[in-house]
Amino acid sequence: MVKKKINRTKEIKIRLTQLEFEKLNNLVSMTGLSREEYLRSLINKVVPANKPTDELVEIIKQLRMIGNNLNQIAVIAYKTSSIDVMKYKHESERLQQEILKIMESINQSRTLEES
């Protein structure tokens, strides 16, 4: 799919207090977007999501590997009409551990700085 190039010709300038500027930069840094992209999203009534943490990226990588291993076990089980129970149990336990990590990560409360 080819993205249509948007010709942005209008420019605005706003004045912020130091505190407003710091808050904006803090919010922008959590998303990985530029200030311009962040503000365009807000104008379009979309609150940008925070970029995933390194920990979450690693968890997703582990889940993909576990899923691949489970799929390989399933293919072998289908072809041979038998299953390596120990290997399957091990991968299932790894999957459960990673799911627990995700749940712990999601349930961690985060507070934003209030002024």
Protein backbone atom coordinates (compact mmCIF):
# COMPACT_ATOMS: atom_id res chain seq x y z
CA MET A 1 0.00 0.00 0.00
CA VAL A 2 1.43 3.36 -1.05
CA LYS A 3 1.02 6.19 1.42
CA LYS A 4 -0.29 9.39 -0.06
CA LYS A 5 2.11 12.26 0.62
CA ILE A 6 0.36 15.00 2.56
CA ASN A 7 1.40 18.50 1.63
CA ARG A 8 1.42 20.43 4.90
CA THR A 9 1.80 24.10 4.14
CA LYS A 10 0.23 25.72 7.21
CA GLU A 11 2.39 26.48 10.20
CA ILE A 12 1.40 27.63 13.68
CA LYS A 13 3.46 29.00 16.51
CA ILE A 14 2.37 28.83 20.13
CA ARG A 15 3.88 30.05 23.36
CA LEU A 16 4.13 27.76 26.35
CA THR A 17 5.28 28.21 29.89
CA GLN A 18 8.36 26.27 30.91
CA LEU A 19 6.14 23.83 32.80
CA GLU A 20 3.80 23.32 29.81
CA PHE A 21 6.80 22.81 27.54
CA GLU A 22 8.29 20.21 29.90
CA LYS A 23 4.96 18.39 30.19
CA LEU A 24 4.58 18.31 26.41
CA ASN A 25 8.11 17.01 25.95
CA ASN A 26 7.55 14.37 28.63
CA LEU A 27 4.34 13.15 26.99
CA VAL A 28 5.96 13.14 23.56
CA SER A 29 9.01 11.21 24.77
CA MET A 30 6.80 8.42 26.13
CA THR A 31 5.33 7.83 22.66
CA GLY A 32 8.42 7.93 20.47
CA LEU A 33 6.71 10.41 18.15
CA SER A 34 7.88 13.86 17.18
CA ARG A 35 6.13 16.83 18.79
CA GLU A 36 4.43 17.53 15.49
CA GLU A 37 3.16 13.95 15.09
CA TYR A 38 1.98 13.94 18.70
CA LEU A 39 0.02 17.18 18.35
CA ARG A 40 -1.47 16.11 14.99
CA SER A 41 -2.74 12.96 16.66
CA LEU A 42 -4.39 14.97 19.42
CA ILE A 43 -5.97 17.30 16.85
CA ASN A 44 -7.44 14.20 15.19
CA LYS A 45 -8.82 13.04 18.57
CA VAL A 46 -6.31 10.19 18.89
CA VAL A 47 -4.29 9.95 22.08
CA PRO A 48 -0.99 8.35 21.07
CA ALA A 49 -0.07 5.15 22.89
CA ASN A 50 3.17 4.92 24.81
CA LYS A 51 5.96 3.13 23.02
CA PRO A 52 6.50 -0.39 24.35
CA THR A 53 9.16 -0.82 27.00
CA ASP A 54 12.25 -2.90 26.31
CA GLU A 55 10.87 -5.44 28.79
CA LEU A 56 7.61 -5.74 26.84
CA VAL A 57 9.48 -6.13 23.55
CA GLU A 58 11.53 -8.95 25.10
CA ILE A 59 8.38 -10.63 26.46
CA ILE A 60 6.75 -10.49 23.03
CA LYS A 61 9.90 -12.01 21.49
CA GLN A 62 9.80 -14.85 24.04
CA LEU A 63 6.09 -15.47 23.39
CA ARG A 64 6.74 -15.72 19.66
CA MET A 65 9.50 -18.25 20.23
CA ILE A 66 7.32 -20.30 22.58
CA GLY A 67 4.43 -20.18 20.13
CA ASN A 68 6.72 -21.37 17.37
CA ASN A 69 7.97 -24.25 19.54
CA LEU A 70 4.41 -25.28 20.42
CA ASN A 71 3.46 -25.16 16.75
CA GLN A 72 6.41 -27.40 15.84
CA ILE A 73 5.36 -29.86 18.55
CA ALA A 74 1.81 -29.86 17.19
CA VAL A 75 3.03 -30.52 13.62
CA ILE A 76 5.16 -33.46 14.77
CA ALA A 77 2.30 -34.79 16.89
CA TYR A 78 -0.05 -34.62 13.89
CA LYS A 79 2.43 -36.35 11.56
CA THR A 80 3.45 -39.10 13.96
CA SER A 81 0.20 -39.46 15.93
CA SER A 82 2.22 -39.03 19.13
CA ILE A 83 3.44 -36.14 21.23
CA ASP A 84 6.59 -35.44 23.24
CA VAL A 85 4.82 -34.79 26.52
CA MET A 86 7.87 -33.45 28.33
CA LYS A 87 8.72 -30.97 25.58
CA TYR A 88 5.09 -29.86 25.35
CA LYS A 89 4.83 -29.49 29.15
CA HIS A 90 8.05 -27.46 29.26
CA GLU A 91 6.88 -25.05 26.54
CA SER A 92 3.44 -24.74 28.14
CA GLU A 93 5.05 -23.80 31.45
CA ARG A 94 7.25 -21.21 29.71
CA LEU A 95 4.14 -19.78 28.09
CA GLN A 96 2.38 -19.52 31.45
CA GLN A 97 5.41 -17.77 32.97
CA GLU A 98 5.50 -15.21 30.17
CA ILE A 99 1.77 -14.59 30.49
CA LEU A 100 2.27 -13.95 34.23
CA LYS A 101 5.03 -11.45 33.42
CA ILE A 102 2.68 -9.64 31.05
CA MET A 103 -0.10 -9.56 33.63
CA GLU A 104 2.29 -8.19 36.28
CA SER A 105 3.50 -5.55 33.85
CA ILE A 106 -0.06 -4.52 32.98
CA ASN A 107 -1.16 -4.38 36.60
CA GLN A 108 1.69 -2.12 37.71
CA SER A 109 0.19 1.25 38.49
CA ARG A 110 1.95 4.26 37.13
CA THR A 111 1.51 7.77 38.41
CA LEU A 112 1.92 10.83 36.28
CA GLU A 113 3.57 13.91 37.70
CA GLU A 114 0.92 16.31 38.86
CA SER A 115 1.46 20.02 39.13
